[in-house]
Amino acid sequence: MAIASALAATLPPAQSEDELSATVPLVKLEYPGRPKNIRMLYVTVLSLGKRAVNQPILLDTGSSGMTIDCKSVLPAEICSNTGIKITDDLEIDGIRVSTKRAVMNYGIYDVYGNIAYAPVAFGSPESRVSTATTIPFLIRYKQVRRSTGEIVGGPLWPKGIFGISPVGGSGPDRMIKSPLAYVNSAPGLHKGYYLTPIGTKWKVCTNNDSSCPQVEALHIGVPPDLKKDFRMESWKQPSWRYNFPTIDACISWGSESTCRPTLYDTGNSTIVVFTDASVGYSSLRGGTKLLVKAEGQEDWELKTTYTPEVEFVPGLAHNIVGIRYFEKNSLLLDFETREIGLRLGR
């Protein structure tokens, strides 16, 4: 027994199953301009092919596929608002840029770019995650506000989107899919991810100044035992047009309520609620109590802290629960079993 005890003391502690997941640090920032309270999470793209990039781009659970700004990955002289200046497919540092153009659609704007192919590495030098293969993505040359046709951008705009939804894809034939679909998980883990709470404190900062805090909140690879801590449901897709999974939920305030397929979206700073055109208001005032009752899940309650933390959009096919949910709660997506799970309070 003494020998066994001495041997046990020299062995490293057993690794719990959830420690096998790859943990990726996320950059957490509050937009330093107007409107206030625009809060976002970013993941850093370390390299594409053999080219070092080190560019934070917006982490988005509400879209599928990666976009990245042309000047972040290609020589500036071939980037312009009219297009990427190539006449034939170009290979540079292991990135193959094709002449095939595509448009990817987001909430209020469209992204124009060229299809490109490369292995992608992201995270941090200490916690680096790579795709197992070359993947398709979009190198964008302009963003256009859909309502006005205005080209938008500037130093404070995200330099791209890291869309990790496992549903569907974007671009031609929906070929641009979640980068996490191309990452091999450790043995014993399901392909997928979970997000742990990011905290309630925010700092006004910019990626350009490298002054934003990081939080270790994105975990790639799902331990099957961990799912017992979540309330799991088969995910739904509100329409073939949308590249994200939903849970049916009702959002209530005062005596009013609206029930719709609901997206839990890191790419949205507000809660967005369906309404009909006859409603005479566009947002809720700060201090309003809100209740989200999701199918098969615990009820989530919150009090709004500013206007417009909850916005109303006529004719919206789904509701959106934005970044506020992720401050204290967790989300899990199992790509293999096609399940979504929520966990409140941790």
Protein backbone atom coordinates (compact mmCIF):
# COMPACT_ATOMS: atom_id res chain seq x y z
CA MET A 1 0.00 0.00 0.00
CA ALA A 2 2.86 2.37 0.84
CA ILE A 3 4.44 1.72 -2.56
CA ALA A 4 1.11 2.34 -4.30
CA SER A 5 0.62 5.59 -2.36
CA ALA A 6 4.11 6.80 -3.21
CA LEU A 7 3.58 5.96 -6.89
CA ALA A 8 0.25 7.78 -6.94
CA ALA A 9 1.88 10.87 -5.46
CA THR A 10 4.37 11.02 -8.34
CA LEU A 11 1.76 10.73 -11.11
CA PRO A 12 0.19 13.84 -12.67
CA PRO A 13 -3.45 14.45 -11.72
CA ALA A 14 -6.00 12.74 -13.96
CA GLN A 15 -7.21 15.04 -16.72
CA SER A 16 -10.93 15.69 -16.55
CA GLU A 17 -12.84 15.18 -19.75
CA ASP A 18 -13.66 18.83 -20.27
CA GLU A 19 -9.96 19.72 -20.06
CA LEU A 20 -9.44 17.85 -23.33
CA SER A 21 -11.36 20.59 -25.16
CA ALA A 22 -9.17 23.21 -26.84
CA THR A 23 -9.73 26.54 -25.08
CA VAL A 24 -9.49 29.61 -27.30
CA PRO A 25 -9.17 33.08 -25.73
CA LEU A 26 -11.60 35.69 -26.99
CA VAL A 27 -11.06 39.44 -27.16
CA LYS A 28 -13.83 41.32 -25.35
CA LEU A 29 -14.54 44.95 -26.18
CA GLU A 30 -17.07 47.74 -26.01
CA TYR A 31 -17.22 49.91 -29.11
CA PRO A 32 -15.58 53.29 -28.33
CA GLY A 33 -18.06 55.50 -30.12
CA ARG A 34 -21.76 56.00 -30.68
CA PRO A 35 -24.12 54.37 -30.16
CA LYS A 36 -22.89 53.32 -26.72
CA ASN A 37 -23.14 49.80 -25.32
CA ILE A 38 -22.14 48.04 -28.55
CA ARG A 39 -20.35 45.01 -27.09
CA MET A 40 -18.57 42.34 -29.07
CA LEU A 41 -16.39 39.25 -28.89
CA TYR A 42 -13.49 38.67 -31.26
CA VAL A 43 -11.34 35.67 -32.09
CA THR A 44 -7.83 36.21 -33.45
CA VAL A 45 -6.90 34.67 -36.80
CA LEU A 46 -3.21 33.87 -36.37
CA SER A 47 -2.37 32.70 -39.88
CA LEU A 48 -3.75 31.77 -43.27
CA GLY A 49 -1.62 29.26 -45.15
CA LYS A 50 1.97 30.25 -44.38
CA ARG A 51 1.10 33.93 -43.96
CA ALA A 52 1.04 35.38 -40.42
CA VAL A 53 -2.10 37.46 -39.96
CA ASN A 54 -2.72 38.09 -36.22
CA GLN A 55 -6.04 39.80 -36.91
CA PRO A 56 -9.00 39.76 -34.47
CA ILE A 57 -12.32 39.29 -36.25
CA LEU A 58 -15.87 39.18 -34.89
CA LEU A 59 -16.97 35.89 -33.31
CA ASP A 60 -20.47 35.17 -34.61
CA THR A 61 -22.62 32.22 -33.52
CA GLY A 62 -25.34 33.58 -35.81
CA SER A 63 -23.61 33.03 -39.16
CA SER A 64 -21.67 30.33 -40.94
CA GLY A 65 -18.29 30.88 -42.56
CA MET A 66 -15.31 33.21 -42.32
CA THR A 67 -14.69 36.57 -44.00
CA ILE A 68 -11.58 38.69 -43.62
CA ASP A 69 -10.61 42.12 -44.90
CA CYS A 70 -8.44 42.18 -48.02
CA LYS A 71 -5.75 44.45 -46.55
CA SER A 72 -5.36 42.13 -43.56
CA VAL A 73 -4.16 39.27 -45.76
CA LEU A 74 -3.09 40.59 -49.17
CA PRO A 75 -0.79 43.37 -50.41
CA ALA A 76 -2.64 46.68 -50.05
CA GLU A 77 -2.07 47.65 -53.68
CA ILE A 78 -4.35 44.88 -54.97
CA CYS A 79 -7.21 45.77 -52.60
CA SER A 80 -9.88 48.33 -53.55
CA ASN A 81 -13.60 48.99 -53.12
CA THR A 82 -14.13 47.99 -56.73
CA GLY A 83 -12.58 44.55 -56.26
CA ILE A 84 -9.39 42.59 -55.71
CA LYS A 85 -7.08 43.49 -58.59
CA ILE A 86 -6.29 40.07 -60.04
CA THR A 87 -7.01 38.65 -63.48
CA ASP A 88 -6.10 35.04 -62.68
CA ASP A 89 -6.09 32.92 -59.56
CA LEU A 90 -3.29 34.08 -57.26
CA GLU A 91 -1.32 32.10 -54.69
CA ILE A 92 0.56 33.95 -51.99
CA ASP A 93 2.11 32.32 -48.91
CA GLY A 94 -0.16 29.31 -49.23
CA ILE A 95 -3.37 31.33 -49.74
CA ARG A 96 -5.09 30.67 -53.06
CA VAL A 97 -7.25 33.65 -54.07
CA SER A 98 -9.66 32.86 -56.87
CA THR A 99 -11.27 35.25 -59.31
CA LYS A 100 -14.70 33.95 -58.27
CA ARG A 101 -16.62 36.71 -56.53
CA ALA A 102 -19.36 36.22 -53.96
CA VAL A 103 -21.65 38.24 -51.71
CA MET A 104 -22.37 37.22 -48.10
CA ASN A 105 -25.43 38.65 -46.35
CA TYR A 106 -25.58 39.80 -42.72
CA GLY A 107 -28.20 41.59 -40.63
CA ILE A 108 -28.04 45.09 -42.13
CA TYR A 109 -25.24 44.88 -44.69
CA ASP A 110 -23.71 42.74 -47.43
CA VAL A 111 -20.06 41.77 -47.79
CA TYR A 112 -18.47 41.55 -51.25
CA GLY A 113 -15.33 39.56 -51.86
CA ASN A 114 -13.44 36.77 -53.60
CA ILE A 115 -13.44 33.12 -52.62
CA ALA A 116 -10.07 32.02 -51.23
CA TYR A 117 -8.63 28.78 -49.83
CA ALA A 118 -6.07 28.13 -47.09
CA PRO A 119 -5.57 26.30 -43.81
CA VAL A 120 -6.61 28.59 -40.93
CA ALA A 121 -5.02 28.89 -37.48
CA PHE A 122 -6.69 30.93 -34.75
CA GLY A 123 -6.64 31.55 -31.00
CA SER A 124 -3.36 32.63 -29.41
CA PRO A 125 0.27 31.53 -29.68
CA GLU A 126 -0.18 29.69 -26.36
CA SER A 127 -3.52 28.14 -27.37
CA ARG A 128 -3.38 27.68 -31.13
CA VAL A 129 -6.08 25.78 -33.03
CA SER A 130 -5.79 24.89 -36.71
CA THR A 131 -8.12 23.49 -39.33
CA ALA A 132 -7.13 20.00 -40.42
CA THR A 133 -7.43 20.95 -44.09
CA THR A 134 -7.53 23.89 -46.46
CA ILE A 135 -10.91 25.61 -46.14
CA PRO A 136 -12.85 28.07 -48.30
CA PHE A 137 -13.46 31.58 -46.95
CA LEU A 138 -14.16 35.07 -48.31
CA ILE A 139 -11.57 37.83 -48.67
CA ARG A 140 -13.77 40.92 -48.59
CA TYR A 141 -13.09 44.07 -50.56
CA LYS A 142 -16.14 46.09 -49.47
CA GLN A 143 -19.15 46.17 -47.13
CA VAL A 144 -22.38 47.79 -48.29
CA ARG A 145 -25.27 48.93 -46.10
CA ARG A 146 -28.23 47.19 -47.65
CA SER A 147 -30.79 49.93 -46.98
CA THR A 148 -28.81 52.75 -48.60
CA GLY A 149 -26.16 51.15 -50.81
CA GLU A 150 -23.53 53.05 -48.82
CA ILE A 151 -20.06 51.51 -48.55
CA VAL A 152 -19.26 51.28 -44.84
CA GLY A 153 -16.08 50.59 -42.91
CA GLY A 154 -13.31 52.37 -41.10
CA PRO A 155 -10.80 51.51 -38.38
CA LEU A 156 -13.40 50.62 -35.73
CA TRP A 157 -15.36 48.19 -37.89
CA PRO A 158 -14.59 44.47 -37.48
CA LYS A 159 -11.99 43.30 -40.00
CA GLY A 160 -14.02 40.18 -40.70
CA ILE A 161 -16.46 37.61 -39.37
CA PHE A 162 -15.67 34.24 -37.76
CA GLY A 163 -19.04 32.57 -38.25
CA ILE A 164 -19.17 29.34 -36.23
CA SER A 165 -22.76 28.26 -36.80
CA PRO A 166 -22.87 24.60 -37.92
CA VAL A 167 -26.00 25.11 -40.03
CA GLY A 168 -25.77 25.59 -43.78
CA GLY A 169 -23.13 27.76 -45.35
CA SER A 170 -22.63 30.94 -47.35
CA GLY A 171 -21.35 31.88 -50.78
CA PRO A 172 -21.70 29.81 -53.97
CA ASP A 173 -23.44 26.49 -53.27
CA ARG A 174 -23.11 27.28 -49.53
CA MET A 175 -19.49 26.24 -49.71
CA ILE A 176 -18.24 28.62 -46.99
CA LYS A 177 -18.98 26.86 -43.72
CA SER A 178 -18.06 27.16 -40.05
CA PRO A 179 -14.27 26.95 -39.63
CA LEU A 180 -14.93 24.70 -36.63
CA ALA A 181 -16.36 22.08 -38.98
CA TYR A 182 -12.78 21.58 -40.22
CA VAL A 183 -11.13 21.27 -36.80
CA ASN A 184 -10.38 17.77 -35.51
CA SER A 185 -11.43 17.27 -31.90
CA ALA A 186 -9.40 15.29 -29.38
CA PRO A 187 -10.22 11.57 -29.10
CA GLY A 188 -13.43 10.97 -27.18
CA LEU A 189 -14.88 14.40 -27.95
CA HIS A 190 -17.69 15.25 -30.34
CA LYS A 191 -17.11 17.86 -33.02
CA GLY A 192 -18.58 21.14 -31.83
CA TYR A 193 -18.02 23.84 -29.23
CA TYR A 194 -19.28 25.39 -26.04
CA LEU A 195 -19.07 28.95 -24.74
CA THR A 196 -18.66 29.62 -21.02
CA PRO A 197 -19.62 32.94 -19.35
CA ILE A 198 -17.66 35.98 -20.48
CA GLY A 199 -18.41 38.17 -17.43
CA THR A 200 -20.38 41.37 -16.95
CA LYS A 201 -17.53 43.90 -16.94
CA TRP A 202 -16.75 45.64 -20.23
CA LYS A 203 -13.94 47.94 -21.25
CA VAL A 204 -14.12 50.61 -23.94
CA CYS A 205 -11.15 49.70 -26.13
CA THR A 206 -10.02 48.93 -29.66
CA ASN A 207 -8.29 46.06 -31.39
CA ASN A 208 -6.03 48.56 -33.15
CA ASP A 209 -4.55 49.61 -29.80
CA SER A 210 -4.33 45.99 -28.56
CA SER A 211 -5.80 47.29 -25.31
CA CYS A 212 -8.74 44.92 -24.88
CA PRO A 213 -9.00 42.17 -22.25
CA GLN A 214 -9.22 38.49 -23.15
CA VAL A 215 -11.46 35.82 -21.68
CA GLU A 216 -11.00 32.06 -22.08
CA ALA A 217 -14.57 31.32 -23.10
CA LEU A 218 -14.57 29.35 -26.38
CA HIS A 219 -13.97 25.60 -25.97
CA ILE A 220 -13.66 23.45 -29.09
CA GLY A 221 -14.60 19.78 -28.86
CA VAL A 222 -17.58 18.62 -26.80
CA PRO A 223 -17.10 16.03 -24.01
CA PRO A 224 -20.27 13.86 -24.05
CA ASP A 225 -20.37 13.85 -20.23
CA LEU A 226 -20.39 17.65 -20.15
CA LYS A 227 -23.75 17.66 -21.91
CA LYS A 228 -25.36 16.40 -18.70
CA ASP A 229 -24.77 19.90 -17.27
CA PHE A 230 -26.77 21.46 -20.14
CA ARG A 231 -30.38 21.10 -21.17
CA MET A 232 -30.00 19.71 -24.67
CA GLU A 233 -32.48 19.98 -27.55
CA SER A 234 -32.36 19.05 -31.21
CA TRP A 235 -31.64 22.31 -32.96
CA LYS A 236 -34.02 23.77 -35.51
CA GLN A 237 -33.46 25.90 -38.57
CA PRO A 238 -36.07 28.65 -38.93
CA SER A 239 -35.76 28.71 -42.72
CA TRP A 240 -33.44 27.28 -45.37
CA ARG A 241 -32.33 30.89 -45.95
CA TYR A 242 -30.79 31.18 -42.48
CA ASN A 243 -27.43 29.70 -41.46
CA PHE A 244 -27.97 29.27 -37.74
CA PRO A 245 -29.67 26.90 -35.28
CA THR A 246 -32.55 28.00 -33.06
CA ILE A 247 -34.58 26.95 -30.04
CA ASP A 248 -38.28 27.81 -29.84
CA ALA A 249 -38.73 30.46 -27.15
CA CYS A 250 -41.14 33.10 -25.87
CA ILE A 251 -39.87 36.54 -24.86
CA SER A 252 -42.15 38.41 -22.46
CA TRP A 253 -42.21 41.92 -20.96
CA GLY A 254 -45.07 43.34 -18.91
CA SER A 255 -48.27 41.79 -20.25
CA GLU A 256 -46.87 41.23 -23.74
CA SER A 257 -45.13 38.23 -25.26
CA THR A 258 -43.86 36.99 -28.60
CA CYS A 259 -42.94 33.39 -29.43
CA ARG A 260 -40.59 32.55 -32.26
CA PRO A 261 -37.60 30.36 -33.15
CA THR A 262 -34.80 32.07 -31.22
CA LEU A 263 -31.13 32.53 -32.09
CA TYR A 264 -28.48 32.90 -29.37
CA ASP A 265 -26.11 35.27 -31.12
CA THR A 266 -22.68 36.55 -30.03
CA GLY A 267 -22.67 38.79 -33.08
CA ASN A 268 -25.56 40.93 -31.81
CA SER A 269 -25.25 43.46 -28.98
CA THR A 270 -29.00 43.71 -28.39
CA ILE A 271 -32.03 41.47 -28.00
CA VAL A 272 -34.13 41.64 -31.17
CA VAL A 273 -37.82 40.77 -31.01
CA PHE A 274 -40.44 40.17 -33.68
CA THR A 275 -43.35 42.56 -33.80
CA ASP A 276 -46.01 43.53 -36.30
CA ALA A 277 -46.04 46.87 -38.05
CA SER A 278 -48.88 48.21 -35.87
CA VAL A 279 -46.74 48.39 -32.71
CA GLY A 280 -46.01 52.02 -31.92
CA TYR A 281 -42.55 51.63 -30.36
CA SER A 282 -39.18 50.38 -31.59
CA SER A 283 -37.43 49.50 -28.31
CA LEU A 284 -37.91 48.98 -24.59
CA ARG A 285 -36.79 51.49 -21.99
CA GLY A 286 -33.97 50.73 -19.58
CA GLY A 287 -35.12 49.07 -16.37
CA THR A 288 -37.68 46.84 -18.10
CA LYS A 289 -37.92 43.25 -16.85
CA LEU A 290 -37.66 40.63 -19.59
CA LEU A 291 -38.31 36.89 -19.40
CA VAL A 292 -37.08 34.35 -21.97
CA LYS A 293 -38.81 30.96 -21.77
CA ALA A 294 -37.03 28.59 -24.14
CA GLU A 295 -38.38 25.16 -25.01
CA GLY A 296 -37.03 22.56 -22.58
CA GLN A 297 -34.81 25.13 -20.84
CA GLU A 298 -34.72 27.08 -17.59
CA ASP A 299 -36.29 30.52 -17.73
CA TRP A 300 -33.82 33.36 -18.15
CA GLU A 301 -34.69 36.71 -16.57
CA LEU A 302 -32.95 40.03 -16.99
CA LYS A 303 -33.54 43.73 -16.49
CA THR A 304 -32.59 46.05 -19.33
CA THR A 305 -29.96 48.63 -18.41
CA TYR A 306 -30.17 51.07 -21.32
CA THR A 307 -32.20 52.05 -24.39
CA PRO A 308 -32.36 50.32 -26.87
CA GLU A 309 -31.11 47.06 -25.33
CA VAL A 310 -34.27 45.38 -26.67
CA GLU A 311 -35.29 46.32 -30.22
CA PHE A 312 -38.40 45.45 -32.20
CA VAL A 313 -38.30 44.54 -35.89
CA PRO A 314 -41.54 44.16 -37.85
CA GLY A 315 -41.90 40.89 -39.75
CA LEU A 316 -38.79 39.24 -38.32
CA ALA A 317 -39.03 35.45 -38.68
CA HIS A 318 -37.09 34.79 -35.48
CA ASN A 319 -36.07 36.41 -32.21
CA ILE A 320 -32.43 37.10 -31.33
CA VAL A 321 -30.88 36.87 -27.85
CA GLY A 322 -27.62 38.78 -28.05
CA ILE A 323 -24.43 39.25 -26.07
CA ARG A 324 -26.14 39.91 -22.71
CA TYR A 325 -27.00 36.20 -22.42
CA PHE A 326 -23.34 35.17 -22.69
CA GLU A 327 -22.22 37.33 -19.75
CA LYS A 328 -23.41 34.79 -17.15
CA ASN A 329 -24.61 31.77 -19.12
CA SER A 330 -23.30 29.04 -21.42
CA LEU A 331 -24.16 27.72 -24.88
CA LEU A 332 -23.23 24.33 -26.36
CA LEU A 333 -23.45 23.07 -29.96
CA ASP A 334 -22.83 19.39 -30.76
CA PHE A 335 -22.23 19.16 -34.51
CA GLU A 336 -22.45 15.36 -34.55
CA THR A 337 -25.79 14.90 -32.77
CA ARG A 338 -27.19 18.21 -34.10
CA GLU A 339 -28.08 19.39 -30.61
CA ILE A 340 -28.05 22.79 -28.91
CA GLY A 341 -27.90 23.26 -25.15
CA LEU A 342 -28.16 26.12 -22.68
CA ARG A 343 -26.83 26.30 -19.13
CA LEU A 344 -27.75 29.18 -16.86
CA GLY A 345 -25.46 30.73 -14.30
CA ARG A 346 -22.15 29.05 -15.15
